[in-house]
Protein backbone atom coordinates (compact mmCIF):
# COMPACT_ATOMS: atom_id res chain seq x y z
CA MET A 1 130.69 73.56 228.03
CA PRO A 2 127.63 72.05 229.74
CA PRO A 3 128.32 71.47 233.44
CA GLN A 4 129.30 67.91 234.19
CA PRO A 5 127.49 66.00 236.94
CA PRO A 6 129.54 64.51 239.74
CA ASP A 7 130.24 60.87 239.11
CA ALA A 8 131.37 57.79 240.93
CA ASN A 9 134.25 55.64 239.70
CA GLY A 10 133.67 53.19 236.87
CA GLY A 11 135.09 52.52 233.42
CA ALA A 12 131.82 52.92 231.54
CA ARG A 13 131.08 56.22 233.25
CA GLU A 14 134.60 57.53 232.71
CA ALA A 15 134.33 56.71 229.00
CA THR A 16 131.06 58.65 228.83
CA ASN A 17 132.67 61.69 230.42
CA VAL A 18 135.64 61.51 228.03
CA VAL A 19 133.36 61.58 224.97
CA ASP A 20 131.29 64.44 226.39
CA ARG A 21 134.45 66.38 227.21
CA ILE A 22 135.79 65.95 223.68
CA TRP A 23 132.50 67.05 222.14
CA HIS A 24 131.72 69.99 224.42
CA GLY A 25 134.86 70.92 226.36
CA THR A 26 136.52 74.33 226.08
CA ASP A 27 139.85 73.36 227.70
CA PRO A 28 143.03 72.95 225.59
CA VAL A 29 142.96 69.14 225.77
CA SER A 30 139.39 68.99 224.43
CA ARG A 31 140.20 71.42 221.64
CA LEU A 32 143.29 69.41 220.71
CA ALA A 33 141.25 66.21 220.65
CA ARG A 34 138.68 67.77 218.33
CA LEU A 35 141.46 69.04 216.09
CA ALA A 36 142.90 65.53 215.90
CA LEU A 37 139.46 64.18 214.98
CA ALA A 38 138.77 66.87 212.38
CA PRO A 39 140.06 64.77 209.42
CA ALA A 40 137.78 61.89 210.43
CA ALA A 41 134.85 64.31 210.75
CA ALA A 42 135.62 65.72 207.28
CA LEU A 43 135.69 62.20 205.86
CA TYR A 44 132.38 61.43 207.59
CA ARG A 45 130.86 64.63 206.16
CA GLY A 46 131.91 63.58 202.66
CA ILE A 47 130.51 60.08 203.09
CA ILE A 48 127.09 61.23 204.29
CA ALA A 49 126.92 63.89 201.57
CA ALA A 50 127.68 61.28 198.91
CA ARG A 51 125.19 58.84 200.41
CA GLY A 52 122.50 61.50 200.50
CA ALA A 53 123.12 62.43 196.88
CA LEU A 54 122.88 58.80 195.81
CA TYR A 55 119.44 58.56 197.45
CA ASP A 56 118.36 61.96 196.08
CA PHE A 57 119.16 60.91 192.50
CA GLY A 58 117.71 57.41 192.85
CA VAL A 59 120.99 55.54 192.54
CA PHE A 60 120.29 54.00 195.93
CA PRO A 61 116.65 52.82 195.76
CA ALA A 62 114.20 53.57 198.54
CA ARG A 63 111.38 51.09 199.13
CA ARG A 64 107.90 52.43 199.80
CA THR A 65 106.37 51.33 203.09
CA VAL A 66 103.06 49.46 202.90
CA LEU A 67 101.45 51.92 205.33
CA PRO A 68 101.78 55.71 205.54
CA ALA A 69 104.70 56.12 207.93
CA LEU A 70 106.06 59.12 209.81
CA SER A 71 109.66 59.07 210.97
CA VAL A 72 110.68 60.80 214.20
CA GLY A 73 114.44 61.30 214.30
CA ASN A 74 117.43 63.46 215.17
CA LEU A 75 120.27 65.32 213.55
CA SER A 76 122.44 64.58 216.58
CA VAL A 77 123.22 61.58 218.76
CA GLY A 78 120.50 61.15 221.40
CA GLY A 79 119.26 63.45 224.12
CA THR A 80 116.47 65.19 222.17
CA GLY A 81 113.45 63.43 223.67
CA LYS A 82 112.78 61.26 220.63
CA THR A 83 111.12 58.41 222.51
CA PRO A 84 108.55 60.49 224.47
CA VAL A 85 107.77 62.58 221.38
CA SER A 86 107.34 59.43 219.24
CA ALA A 87 105.00 58.01 221.89
CA TYR A 88 103.06 61.30 222.02
CA ILE A 89 102.64 61.36 218.23
CA ALA A 90 101.48 57.74 218.20
CA ALA A 91 98.93 58.47 220.95
CA ARG A 92 97.70 61.57 219.11
CA LEU A 93 97.23 59.52 215.93
CA ARG A 94 95.23 56.97 217.93
CA ASP A 95 93.08 59.70 219.45
CA ARG A 96 92.40 61.11 215.96
CA GLY A 97 91.03 57.80 214.71
CA GLY A 98 94.17 56.02 213.53
CA GLN A 99 95.47 52.57 214.38
CA PRO A 100 99.18 53.35 214.84
CA ALA A 101 102.12 51.10 215.53
CA ILE A 102 105.60 52.06 216.68
CA VAL A 103 108.38 50.61 214.53
CA LEU A 104 111.94 50.86 215.79
CA ARG A 105 115.28 49.16 215.72
CA GLY A 106 115.16 48.54 219.47
CA TYR A 107 118.81 49.33 220.11
CA GLY A 108 119.73 48.68 223.74
CA GLY A 109 116.46 46.90 224.51
CA ASP A 110 114.99 49.76 226.56
CA GLU A 111 112.98 51.70 223.95
CA PRO A 112 110.42 48.94 223.20
CA LEU A 113 109.77 48.58 226.94
CA VAL A 114 109.38 52.34 227.35
CA HIS A 115 106.88 52.53 224.48
CA ALA A 116 104.94 49.59 225.89
CA THR A 117 104.78 51.37 229.26
CA LEU A 118 103.70 54.74 227.81
CA ASN A 119 101.14 53.32 225.35
CA PRO A 120 100.19 49.76 226.32
CA ASP A 121 97.48 49.64 223.63
CA ILE A 122 99.80 50.56 220.71
CA PRO A 123 101.77 47.71 219.09
CA VAL A 124 105.57 47.96 219.10
CA VAL A 125 107.48 46.29 216.27
CA VAL A 126 111.24 45.80 216.59
CA SER A 127 113.03 45.53 213.25
CA ALA A 128 116.31 46.89 211.91
CA ASP A 129 114.60 46.87 208.48
CA ARG A 130 111.96 49.59 208.81
CA VAL A 131 110.23 48.52 205.57
CA ALA A 132 109.80 44.98 206.90
CA GLY A 133 108.79 46.38 210.29
CA VAL A 134 105.97 48.43 208.77
CA ALA A 135 104.78 45.35 206.86
CA LYS A 136 104.63 43.46 210.16
CA ALA A 137 102.75 46.37 211.75
CA ARG A 138 100.07 46.06 209.07
CA VAL A 139 99.68 42.37 209.87
CA LEU A 140 99.13 43.37 213.51
CA GLY A 141 96.24 45.63 212.45
CA ALA A 142 97.96 49.02 212.17
CA ASP A 143 96.97 51.46 209.45
CA VAL A 144 99.73 54.04 210.10
CA ALA A 145 103.25 53.71 211.50
CA VAL A 146 105.56 55.89 213.58
CA LEU A 147 109.22 55.12 212.88
CA ASP A 148 111.23 55.85 216.01
CA ASP A 149 114.72 57.09 215.01
CA ALA A 150 114.69 56.61 211.23
CA PHE A 151 115.66 60.00 209.76
CA GLN A 152 118.97 58.63 208.45
CA HIS A 153 117.35 55.32 207.43
CA ARG A 154 116.58 56.51 203.92
CA ARG A 155 116.04 53.05 202.49
CA ALA A 156 112.47 53.29 203.85
CA ASP A 157 110.50 55.65 201.60
CA ARG A 158 108.09 56.97 204.22
CA TRP A 159 105.35 59.59 204.02
CA GLY A 160 107.21 62.24 206.04
CA ASP A 161 109.83 63.12 208.65
CA VAL A 162 109.70 64.91 211.99
CA VAL A 163 113.16 65.89 213.24
CA LEU A 164 114.01 66.91 216.80
CA VAL A 165 116.67 69.42 217.85
CA SER A 166 117.47 69.91 221.55
CA ALA A 167 117.66 73.44 222.93
CA ASP A 168 119.48 72.05 225.98
CA SER A 169 122.49 70.91 223.97
CA TRP A 170 122.31 73.46 221.13
CA SER A 171 125.54 75.07 219.95
CA ALA A 172 126.04 77.57 217.16
CA LYS A 173 128.80 75.30 215.86
CA GLN A 174 127.66 71.82 214.88
CA ARG A 175 130.56 69.37 214.84
CA LEU A 176 129.98 66.11 213.01
CA LEU A 177 130.92 62.69 214.34
CA PRO A 178 133.40 61.74 215.69
CA ALA A 179 134.51 65.28 216.65
CA GLY A 180 131.01 66.14 217.86
CA PRO A 181 127.55 64.63 218.36
CA TRP A 182 125.99 65.62 215.01
CA ARG A 183 125.01 62.90 212.54
CA GLU A 184 124.52 65.40 209.71
CA PRO A 185 124.52 69.18 209.19
CA VAL A 186 121.52 71.40 209.91
CA ARG A 187 120.76 71.71 206.20
CA GLY A 188 119.58 68.10 206.42
CA LEU A 189 116.37 69.61 207.84
CA ARG A 190 115.38 70.41 204.25
CA ARG A 191 114.09 66.81 204.15
CA ALA A 192 111.90 67.33 207.21
CA ALA A 193 108.16 67.99 207.09
CA LEU A 194 108.40 69.43 210.62
CA THR A 195 111.28 70.34 212.94
CA ILE A 196 110.54 70.24 216.66
CA VAL A 197 112.84 72.08 219.05
CA THR A 198 112.66 70.33 222.42
CA ARG A 199 113.62 71.73 225.79
CA LYS A 200 114.00 70.17 229.22
CA ALA A 201 115.89 72.56 231.50
CA ALA A 202 116.43 75.17 228.77
CA SER A 203 114.12 78.19 228.82
CA ALA A 204 111.37 79.01 226.35
CA ASP A 205 113.52 81.92 225.14
CA ASP A 206 116.39 79.49 224.50
CA ALA A 207 114.08 77.33 222.38
CA ARG A 208 112.86 80.31 220.36
CA GLU A 209 116.47 81.34 219.69
CA VAL A 210 117.21 77.85 218.34
CA VAL A 211 114.16 78.07 216.07
CA ALA A 212 115.42 81.39 214.73
CA ALA A 213 118.89 79.94 214.10
CA LEU A 214 117.46 76.93 212.26
CA LYS A 215 115.22 79.10 210.09
CA ALA A 216 118.18 81.30 209.21
CA THR A 217 119.90 78.21 207.78
CA VAL A 218 116.79 76.61 206.25
CA PRO A 219 114.33 79.36 205.22
CA GLY A 220 110.68 78.35 205.27
CA LEU A 221 111.28 75.59 207.80
CA ALA A 222 108.09 74.39 209.55
CA THR A 223 108.75 74.33 213.30
CA ALA A 224 107.23 73.60 216.68
CA ILE A 225 108.50 73.86 220.25
CA VAL A 226 107.98 71.11 222.83
CA TRP A 227 108.68 71.37 226.55
CA LEU A 228 109.57 67.98 228.00
CA ALA A 229 108.42 68.53 231.55
CA PRO A 230 109.35 66.13 234.36
CA GLY A 231 106.38 64.16 235.62
CA ARG A 232 105.68 62.60 238.99
CA LEU A 233 107.95 60.29 240.92
CA ARG A 234 106.84 56.75 240.12
CA ALA A 235 108.02 53.57 241.79
CA ALA A 236 110.13 51.40 239.48
CA ARG A 237 108.37 48.45 241.13
CA GLY A 238 104.70 48.72 241.91
CA THR A 239 102.23 51.50 241.16
CA GLU A 240 102.96 54.11 243.81
CA ALA A 241 103.38 57.69 242.61
CA ARG A 242 104.38 60.85 244.46
CA SER A 243 104.65 64.51 243.63
CA LEU A 244 108.02 65.59 242.26
CA GLU A 245 107.91 68.37 244.85
CA GLU A 246 108.86 65.78 247.47
CA ILE A 247 112.51 65.96 246.36
CA ALA A 248 112.66 69.66 247.30
CA GLY A 249 115.35 70.17 249.92
CA LYS A 250 116.41 66.53 249.72
CA ARG A 251 119.65 64.81 248.80
CA ILE A 252 119.02 62.63 245.75
CA HIS A 253 121.07 60.14 243.78
CA VAL A 254 120.48 60.11 240.02
CA ILE A 255 121.10 57.09 237.79
CA ALA A 256 121.16 57.88 234.07
CA ALA A 257 122.09 56.02 230.90
CA ILE A 258 120.60 58.52 228.47
CA GLY A 259 121.78 60.85 225.72
CA ASN A 260 121.80 64.03 227.81
CA PRO A 261 121.97 63.26 231.54
CA VAL A 262 122.91 66.86 232.39
CA ALA A 263 119.52 68.21 231.26
CA PHE A 264 117.72 65.56 233.35
CA ILE A 265 119.79 66.41 236.41
CA ARG A 266 119.09 70.11 235.92
CA GLN A 267 115.37 69.37 235.84
CA LEU A 268 115.62 67.69 239.24
CA GLU A 269 117.70 70.55 240.62
CA MET A 270 115.09 73.01 239.36
CA ALA A 271 112.49 70.94 241.26
CA GLY A 272 114.39 71.72 244.47
CA ALA A 273 116.87 68.88 245.02
CA ILE A 274 119.72 70.47 246.96
CA THR A 275 122.42 67.80 246.69
CA VAL A 276 122.77 65.52 243.70
CA THR A 277 125.15 62.58 243.36
CA THR A 278 125.13 60.50 240.22
CA SER A 279 125.84 57.20 238.53
CA ILE A 280 126.20 58.06 234.84
CA PHE A 281 126.49 55.46 232.07
CA PRO A 282 126.54 55.53 228.26
CA ASP A 283 123.24 55.88 226.43
CA HIS A 284 121.31 52.57 226.27
CA TYR A 285 123.72 50.95 228.72
CA ASP A 286 122.80 47.33 229.44
CA PHE A 287 122.85 47.15 233.23
CA THR A 288 124.01 43.84 234.67
CA PRO A 289 123.01 42.55 238.12
CA ALA A 290 126.56 43.39 239.28
CA ASP A 291 126.19 46.96 238.02
CA THR A 292 122.89 47.32 239.81
CA ALA A 293 124.26 45.97 243.10
CA ARG A 294 127.23 48.36 242.90
CA ILE A 295 124.98 51.35 242.12
CA ALA A 296 122.74 50.48 245.05
CA LEU A 297 125.76 50.71 247.37
CA GLU A 298 126.57 54.17 245.98
CA THR A 299 123.14 55.55 246.89
CA GLY A 300 123.56 55.38 250.65
CA GLY A 301 122.19 58.39 252.48
CA ALA A 302 120.09 59.65 249.58
CA GLY A 303 116.56 60.74 250.34
CA PHE A 304 115.49 59.56 246.89
CA VAL A 305 117.12 57.43 244.19
CA VAL A 306 115.84 58.66 240.84
CA CYS A 307 116.27 57.54 237.24
CA THR A 308 114.41 57.90 233.95
CA LEU A 309 111.79 55.46 232.70
CA LYS A 310 114.32 54.37 230.08
CA ASP A 311 116.65 53.29 232.90
CA ALA A 312 113.95 51.95 235.21
CA VAL A 313 112.78 49.27 232.77
CA LYS A 314 116.27 47.74 232.90
CA LEU A 315 117.22 48.46 236.50
CA ALA A 316 114.02 47.37 238.25
CA PRO A 317 114.33 43.60 237.64
CA HIS A 318 117.75 43.54 239.36
CA TRP A 319 117.26 46.25 241.99
CA PRO A 320 118.19 44.80 245.44
CA PRO A 321 115.19 44.69 247.79
CA GLU A 322 117.32 45.93 250.69
CA ALA A 323 118.47 49.03 248.73
CA PRO A 324 116.73 52.43 248.92
CA ARG A 325 113.57 52.48 246.82
CA LEU A 326 114.06 53.23 243.12
CA TRP A 327 111.90 55.94 241.53
CA TYR A 328 111.69 57.13 237.94
CA VAL A 329 110.56 60.36 236.31
CA SER A 330 109.05 60.41 232.82
CA GLN A 331 109.07 63.36 230.43
CA HIS A 332 105.63 64.81 229.64
CA VAL A 333 105.23 66.31 226.17
CA ASN A 334 103.82 69.86 226.18
CA VAL A 335 103.55 71.47 222.74
CA GLU A 336 104.19 75.14 223.45
CA GLN A 337 104.25 76.35 219.86
CA GLY A 338 103.17 74.81 216.56
CA LEU A 339 100.43 72.42 217.72
CA ASP A 340 98.24 73.35 214.73
CA THR A 341 101.15 72.60 212.39
CA LEU A 342 101.72 69.23 214.03
CA ASP A 343 98.03 68.33 213.86
CA LEU A 344 97.84 69.26 210.16
CA LEU A 345 100.78 66.94 209.55
CA LEU A 346 99.12 64.09 211.43
CA ASP A 347 95.81 64.65 209.63
CA GLY A 348 97.70 64.48 206.32
CA LEU A 349 99.27 61.18 207.39
CA LEU A 350 95.87 59.75 208.28
CA ALA A 351 94.37 60.98 205.00
CA ALA A 352 97.16 59.22 203.11
CA ARG A 353 95.77 55.85 204.23
CA SER A 354 93.42 55.93 201.23
CA THR A 355 96.39 55.91 198.85
CA PHE A 356 98.08 52.84 200.33
């Protein structure tokens, strides 16, 4: 079971811990809960298998996008680094001569703001209908599209799929929803043009072991490894930036409403933070002014208050001016293995523009 961060009181945070305990816990209560959810997980498995077959055989029609589009998605629920990797791919397409746009559902309201911060010059289109979103992207001048979180959105017949698997939360046993965090089994990677194993606090050896396990299940799988490295401390308000090394030996308070807060906290501990207290919320949590005021009171005595960019875009507008300063840390994409494979994929996407 991944170690759980300390947490302050709060219904939303308690609910998050309950779900994580059910999915990852090794205690008798967690095992009993998973056993009770096993019938629902079996039903879910059957439903997604039937749905996939209906798309595979053309019973459910898929509509071709008006631009060559590359989906970046997950097999599991959150925590893989999908947003920074999608932004990296969009930027790499731009640097290779493309005019990309990001198309996403925009669940929670934070992801469009994060993309706009990471790549201010790349249009972001919010649409639950990815086919319609790509059409809008073309109107905005795009000639290729990156679909953020669309692997299971098979109604959009895109050019290809990149799928992320996290080494930080990898388990040899993949439990499907609701008994675990997996949206579909590993064999779903057969639909992927490229599988990227991401790591935050996990080691490079851990990532290579995950690659080996995936290839054992899906022979011939094209893979890459990405290290999501923590960047500098950046002020949630203003432009000031500091070295992450400044947290070494300091007490910090971490605020996180992301898919895998434990990996983020481990990154900060590995950077030298000696005492970490936390305010943990569900992924994409919509912070209210009351939430923000309460969190600010919980941070007393911390040398630094740190969150992710995904949290900062929602917390900053309500952060009390009298509270300790709020800093965020972004994840920098470092392709450790498979860069040539990724670039060949992106060049193929750009070449496909002539067929659209």
